Protein backbone atom coordinates (compact mmCIF):
# COMPACT_ATOMS: atom_id res chain seq x y z
CA MET A 1 85.91 -75.87 -37.65
CA ASN A 2 85.50 -79.35 -39.20
CA ARG A 3 87.79 -80.62 -36.03
CA PHE A 4 85.74 -78.86 -33.63
CA LEU A 5 82.75 -80.58 -35.22
CA THR A 6 84.46 -83.93 -35.19
CA VAL A 7 85.49 -83.38 -31.47
CA ILE A 8 81.95 -82.48 -30.40
CA THR A 9 80.41 -85.40 -32.75
CA PHE A 10 83.14 -87.88 -30.59
CA LEU A 11 82.27 -86.62 -27.22
CA LEU A 12 78.46 -86.88 -27.91
CA ALA A 13 79.08 -90.52 -29.26
CA ILE A 14 80.94 -91.43 -25.90
CA GLY A 15 78.21 -89.73 -23.98
CA LEU A 16 75.64 -91.68 -25.73
CA SER A 17 77.13 -94.48 -25.18
CA ASN A 18 78.00 -93.90 -21.44
CA SER A 19 74.46 -93.26 -21.33
CA SER A 20 73.03 -96.64 -22.66
CA VAL A 21 75.48 -98.72 -20.57
CA ALA A 22 74.01 -96.77 -17.41
CA VAL A 23 70.42 -97.41 -18.03
CA ALA A 24 71.21 -100.99 -19.28
CA ALA A 25 69.08 -103.52 -17.28
CA PRO A 26 69.62 -107.06 -15.99
CA ASN A 27 67.27 -109.84 -18.29
CA ILE A 28 65.27 -111.38 -15.05
CA GLU A 29 63.89 -114.97 -15.73
CA TRP A 30 61.67 -116.61 -13.69
CA ILE A 31 60.45 -120.09 -13.67
CA PRO A 32 57.59 -120.69 -14.02
CA ARG A 33 56.86 -117.29 -15.73
CA GLU A 34 53.29 -117.21 -14.07
CA ILE A 35 51.96 -118.67 -11.27
CA GLU A 36 47.94 -120.15 -10.81
CA VAL A 37 46.74 -120.63 -7.55
CA THR A 38 42.99 -121.21 -6.25
CA LEU A 39 41.66 -120.73 -2.88
CA SER A 40 38.62 -121.28 -0.98
CA GLN A 41 36.69 -121.67 2.13
CA GLN A 42 37.93 -125.32 2.62
CA GLU A 43 41.45 -124.90 1.06
CA PRO A 44 41.94 -121.33 1.98
CA THR A 45 46.05 -121.61 1.76
CA ASP A 46 48.58 -123.36 -0.99
CA SER A 47 52.48 -122.59 -1.19
CA VAL A 48 54.34 -122.57 -4.77
CA LEU A 49 58.25 -122.82 -5.38
CA ALA A 50 59.68 -120.59 -8.08
CA THR A 51 62.97 -119.73 -9.32
CA PHE A 52 64.54 -116.53 -10.89
CA SER A 53 68.22 -115.44 -12.19
CA SER A 54 69.89 -112.58 -13.71
CA ASP A 55 72.41 -112.45 -16.68
CA ILE A 56 74.26 -109.89 -14.39
CA ALA A 57 75.58 -110.04 -10.64
CA LEU A 58 73.06 -108.04 -8.51
CA ASN A 59 73.22 -106.80 -4.76
CA GLN A 60 70.30 -106.14 -2.04
CA ILE A 61 67.26 -108.37 -3.91
CA THR A 62 63.95 -107.86 -2.45
CA LEU A 63 60.79 -108.65 -4.24
CA GLU A 64 57.48 -106.36 -4.42
CA VAL A 65 54.12 -107.50 -4.74
CA VAL A 66 51.49 -105.35 -6.29
CA ARG A 67 48.82 -103.95 -4.04
CA GLY A 68 46.04 -106.02 -6.04
CA ILE A 69 47.19 -109.36 -4.72
CA SER A 70 49.53 -107.96 -1.74
CA ASP A 71 47.03 -109.36 0.71
CA PHE A 72 47.15 -112.71 -0.68
CA VAL A 73 50.68 -113.54 -0.63
CA THR A 74 53.77 -113.74 1.21
CA PHE A 75 57.32 -115.00 0.45
CA GLU A 76 60.65 -116.52 1.76
CA PRO A 77 63.39 -115.42 1.73
CA GLY A 78 62.56 -111.63 1.86
CA VAL A 79 65.86 -110.33 1.00
CA ILE A 80 68.60 -112.03 -1.05
CA PRO A 81 71.97 -109.89 -0.52
CA ASN A 82 73.75 -110.99 -3.21
CA VAL A 83 72.69 -112.77 -6.90
CA GLN A 84 75.40 -113.93 -8.91
CA ALA A 85 75.13 -113.68 -12.84
CA GLY A 86 73.21 -116.80 -14.02
CA VAL A 87 72.78 -118.69 -10.69
CA SER A 88 69.02 -119.67 -9.95
CA HIS A 89 67.70 -118.58 -6.60
CA THR A 90 64.27 -120.26 -5.20
CA VAL A 91 61.53 -118.26 -3.55
CA ALA A 92 58.51 -120.01 -1.74
CA PHE A 93 55.26 -118.03 -2.59
CA ASN A 94 52.82 -118.43 0.52
CA PHE A 95 49.09 -117.92 -0.27
CA SER A 96 46.15 -117.42 2.07
CA LEU A 97 42.61 -116.20 1.60
CA PRO A 98 42.16 -112.70 3.14
CA PRO A 99 38.70 -112.66 5.51
CA GLY A 100 35.89 -111.89 3.53
CA THR A 101 37.29 -112.27 0.21
CA LYS A 102 34.42 -112.09 -2.56
CA PRO A 103 34.89 -114.97 -5.14
CA GLY A 104 36.71 -113.82 -8.40
CA VAL A 105 39.94 -113.76 -10.18
CA TYR A 106 42.64 -111.58 -8.65
CA GLU A 107 45.54 -110.82 -10.83
CA GLY A 108 49.25 -109.16 -10.53
CA VAL A 109 52.74 -108.99 -10.59
CA VAL A 110 55.92 -109.60 -8.68
CA HIS A 111 58.78 -107.11 -9.18
CA VAL A 112 62.50 -107.74 -8.42
CA ARG A 113 64.22 -104.72 -6.82
CA SER A 114 67.91 -104.44 -6.61
CA GLY A 115 68.72 -101.52 -3.90
CA HIS A 116 66.00 -98.80 -4.91
CA ARG A 117 66.02 -99.98 -8.40
CA THR A 118 63.15 -101.76 -9.97
CA LEU A 119 63.93 -104.09 -12.35
CA PRO A 120 61.94 -105.09 -15.57
CA HIS A 121 60.76 -108.86 -16.50
CA THR A 122 57.83 -109.26 -13.80
CA LEU A 123 56.68 -112.66 -12.45
CA LYS A 124 53.04 -113.02 -13.19
CA ILE A 125 50.43 -114.41 -10.49
CA LYS A 126 47.02 -115.27 -10.81
CA ILE A 127 44.39 -116.31 -8.00
CA THR A 128 41.22 -117.84 -8.36
CA VAL A 129 39.04 -117.49 -5.25
CA GLU A 130 36.16 -120.41 -5.46
CA ALA A 131 33.04 -119.62 -3.94
CA ALA A 132 32.09 -121.56 -0.59
CA ALA A 133 30.39 -124.39 -1.10
CA PRO A 134 26.75 -124.14 0.46
CA SER A 135 26.35 -125.44 3.77
CA GLU A 136 23.67 -128.31 4.66
CA PHE A 137 22.82 -129.92 7.74
CA LEU A 138 25.21 -132.40 9.16
CA LEU A 139 24.25 -133.49 12.42
CA GLY A 140 21.75 -132.65 15.16
CA THR A 141 18.28 -132.51 16.63
CA ASP A 142 15.14 -130.57 16.17
CA LEU A 143 14.87 -127.07 17.59
CA PRO A 144 11.66 -127.26 19.26
CA PRO A 145 10.07 -123.80 20.13
CA HIS A 146 9.04 -125.20 23.51
CA SER A 147 10.30 -127.96 25.33
CA ALA A 148 9.88 -130.62 28.10
CA ALA A 149 13.20 -129.53 29.94
CA GLU A 150 15.56 -126.58 29.96
CA PHE A 151 19.16 -126.95 31.54
CA ALA A 152 20.58 -124.27 33.43
CA VAL A 153 23.92 -122.47 32.56
CA ALA A 154 24.30 -120.44 35.36
CA ILE A 155 27.80 -119.61 37.76
CA SER A 156 29.13 -122.98 38.14
CA GLN A 157 26.58 -124.95 36.14
CA SER A 158 27.49 -126.10 32.90
CA ILE A 159 26.37 -128.56 30.32
CA ALA A 160 28.28 -130.80 27.62
CA GLN A 161 26.74 -132.47 24.87
CA GLY A 162 28.78 -135.28 23.29
CA PHE A 163 28.75 -136.27 19.43
CA SER A 164 31.04 -139.12 17.20
CA LEU A 165 31.93 -138.30 13.85
CA THR A 166 32.33 -141.14 11.42
CA SER A 167 33.54 -138.71 8.39
CA PRO A 168 35.54 -135.33 8.43
CA ILE A 169 33.66 -132.27 8.25
CA SER A 170 33.95 -128.40 8.15
CA ILE A 171 31.59 -126.49 10.63
CA THR A 172 30.17 -123.33 9.13
CA GLU A 173 27.36 -122.69 11.85
CA LEU A 174 26.47 -123.97 14.98
CA LYS A 175 22.88 -123.78 16.14
CA LEU A 176 21.53 -123.91 19.70
CA GLN A 177 18.01 -123.65 21.01
CA MET A 178 18.25 -121.45 24.05
CA SER A 179 16.11 -119.45 26.55
CA GLY A 180 16.76 -116.30 28.26
CA PHE A 181 16.11 -112.63 28.77
CA GLY A 182 18.26 -111.31 26.23
CA SER A 183 21.20 -109.71 27.88
CA ASP A 184 23.63 -112.21 29.56
CA GLN A 185 26.26 -113.95 27.65
CA PHE A 186 27.08 -117.63 27.58
CA THR A 187 30.37 -119.57 26.23
CA VAL A 188 30.57 -122.20 23.73
CA TRP A 189 33.32 -124.70 23.61
CA VAL A 190 34.12 -127.23 21.21
CA THR A 191 36.50 -129.89 22.78
CA ASN A 192 37.70 -133.54 21.93
CA SER A 193 37.52 -134.08 25.64
CA ILE A 194 35.58 -133.16 28.84
CA GLY A 195 36.03 -134.15 32.46
CA PRO A 196 39.31 -133.44 35.16
CA ALA A 197 41.76 -134.27 32.82
CA THR A 198 40.68 -131.99 30.08
CA THR A 199 43.29 -128.86 29.36
CA GLN A 200 43.24 -126.14 27.06
CA ALA A 201 44.87 -128.15 24.48
CA ASN A 202 41.56 -130.18 24.30
CA VAL A 203 40.05 -126.96 23.35
CA LEU A 204 39.34 -126.51 19.32
CA LEU A 205 37.03 -123.43 19.71
CA GLN A 206 35.97 -120.86 22.15
CA THR A 207 33.38 -118.37 21.31
CA THR A 208 30.45 -116.01 23.24
CA ALA A 209 27.23 -115.74 22.75
CA THR A 210 24.03 -113.97 23.96
CA PHE A 211 21.15 -115.78 25.79
CA PRO A 212 18.01 -115.23 23.63
CA ASN A 213 14.87 -112.74 24.64
CA THR A 214 12.54 -115.73 25.60
CA GLY A 215 11.32 -114.91 28.96
CA GLY A 216 13.21 -117.57 30.45
CA GLY A 217 11.78 -121.30 31.08
CA THR A 218 11.22 -124.09 28.58
CA THR A 219 10.46 -121.34 25.73
CA GLY A 220 13.36 -121.73 23.27
CA SER A 221 14.87 -119.40 20.05
CA THR A 222 17.54 -120.26 18.09
CA ILE A 223 20.90 -118.71 18.18
CA SER A 224 23.23 -119.36 15.44
CA ILE A 225 26.85 -119.32 15.89
CA PRO A 226 29.45 -118.96 12.68
CA MET A 227 32.11 -120.79 12.43
CA THR A 228 35.03 -122.07 10.66
CA LEU A 229 36.04 -125.49 12.03
CA SER A 230 37.38 -128.42 10.38
CA LEU A 231 36.88 -132.03 12.47
CA PRO A 232 38.37 -135.41 11.35
CA PRO A 233 36.57 -138.48 12.74
CA GLY A 234 36.44 -138.71 16.46
CA GLU A 235 34.58 -137.78 19.56
CA TYR A 236 33.57 -134.51 20.42
CA PHE A 237 31.83 -132.00 23.04
CA ILE A 238 29.51 -128.70 23.00
CA VAL A 239 30.17 -127.38 26.19
CA LEU A 240 28.44 -124.30 27.44
CA SER A 241 28.86 -122.37 30.77
CA SER A 242 28.17 -118.89 31.97
CA ILE A 243 28.70 -116.53 34.85
CA GLN A 244 25.01 -115.44 34.76
CA PRO A 245 23.19 -115.52 38.07
CA SER A 246 19.72 -116.58 36.93
CA PHE A 247 18.57 -120.26 36.87
CA LEU A 248 15.85 -119.50 34.17
CA GLN A 249 18.33 -119.28 31.26
CA GLY A 250 19.84 -122.06 29.78
CA TRP A 251 19.89 -125.01 26.88
CA LEU A 252 16.45 -127.00 25.79
CA ARG A 253 16.28 -130.30 25.64
CA SER A 254 15.23 -131.59 21.94
CA THR A 255 12.32 -134.00 21.17
CA THR A 256 13.86 -135.45 18.14
CA THR A 257 17.35 -136.67 16.79
CA LEU A 258 17.53 -136.27 13.30
CA PRO A 259 18.86 -138.76 10.60
CA SER A 260 22.68 -138.21 9.81
CA THR A 261 25.36 -140.06 7.78
CA MET A 262 28.27 -137.98 9.37
CA GLY A 263 28.15 -139.38 12.98
CA SER A 264 26.03 -139.92 16.09
CA LEU A 265 24.80 -138.34 19.51
CA SER A 266 26.04 -139.24 22.60
CA ASP A 267 24.70 -138.33 26.05
CA MET A 268 23.57 -134.80 27.52
CA ARG A 269 25.95 -134.40 30.80
CA PHE A 270 25.42 -131.78 33.26
CA VAL A 271 27.11 -130.29 36.25
CA ILE A 272 25.94 -128.22 39.08
CA PHE A 273 29.24 -127.11 40.88
CA GLY A 274 31.63 -127.59 38.17
CA ASN A 275 35.25 -125.82 37.32
CA VAL A 276 34.36 -122.04 36.99
CA LEU A 277 37.80 -121.14 35.87
CA PHE A 278 37.82 -123.74 33.23
CA PRO A 279 33.87 -125.72 32.53
CA PRO A 280 35.24 -128.13 30.27
CA ALA A 281 37.55 -129.92 32.95
CA SER A 282 34.39 -130.10 35.28
CA ASP A 283 33.24 -133.40 36.83
CA PHE A 284 29.96 -134.11 34.43
CA ILE A 285 27.23 -136.61 35.25
CA THR A 286 24.88 -138.38 32.44
CA LEU A 287 21.70 -136.84 32.04
CA GLY A 288 20.32 -139.89 29.64
CA ASP A 289 20.04 -140.57 25.98
CA ARG A 290 17.80 -137.32 25.10
CA PRO A 291 20.17 -134.97 23.49
CA ALA A 292 20.26 -131.21 24.00
CA ALA A 293 18.49 -129.38 20.97
CA PHE A 294 21.30 -128.13 18.69
CA GLN A 295 22.53 -128.63 14.69
CA ILE A 296 25.61 -128.52 13.17
CA PHE A 297 25.75 -127.03 9.28
CA GLY A 298 28.52 -127.12 7.00
CA THR A 299 30.72 -129.07 4.17
CA GLN A 300 31.83 -132.84 3.83
């Protein structure tokens, strides 16, 4: 009987010993142990390098980001076939700000997986999303409710308003004083060139908006176009075009150029028979020193 109990005890000891070996996990060490980044509308991306090592060899390594921060981060490489014991491997973490993210602190971890097994010792990640800086007026004119002139944006007719920047800016909103009937659309382009030599490479932004319902003519209403566009110092143009047939819808001329430390305005330019397929490449003519009614808002 004593021999039987001794055998059972010995077998249990072996079983427990083997079990402890089976569940033993490698020791994963990250350098740094925590990543902290700050993202904002002005600086929506960042990249950080981190290294990890294991005290035993591993195969088919992948990384897994918890759901709370998974929309913020991607990493390279996505798969590491083999990890030798004690050898460090570098991972590039690329952070970007998802559209519509509210300001605040977002925290989570990155798990190391070997095959189907998730290993302990995670990498902590802390992401601080800063509130957007309040927009301010940067450049432009008054927005008169009534003007002495309205320039049609119809079929082959297009308008280009030039401006120059002496300082870099980030545009968050463009306001245009327009007239119309509230149904047809027009296209807004921001380019760094106009004229026959202009190509798609010169287009910095292209979007559409709808003419306001003012009854046409020289009665205007403000159209607000939100955007995220960073511009360095240089020469630029706001180009308006449309395929609508009415000549009573268009862009009003301003009465006053507002003071600005960011840059200055140049002449308004117009074309009657322009390039319908690509309006910025039209052969514009200058209309004088009274600019179109617009305002640029953003941050410096």
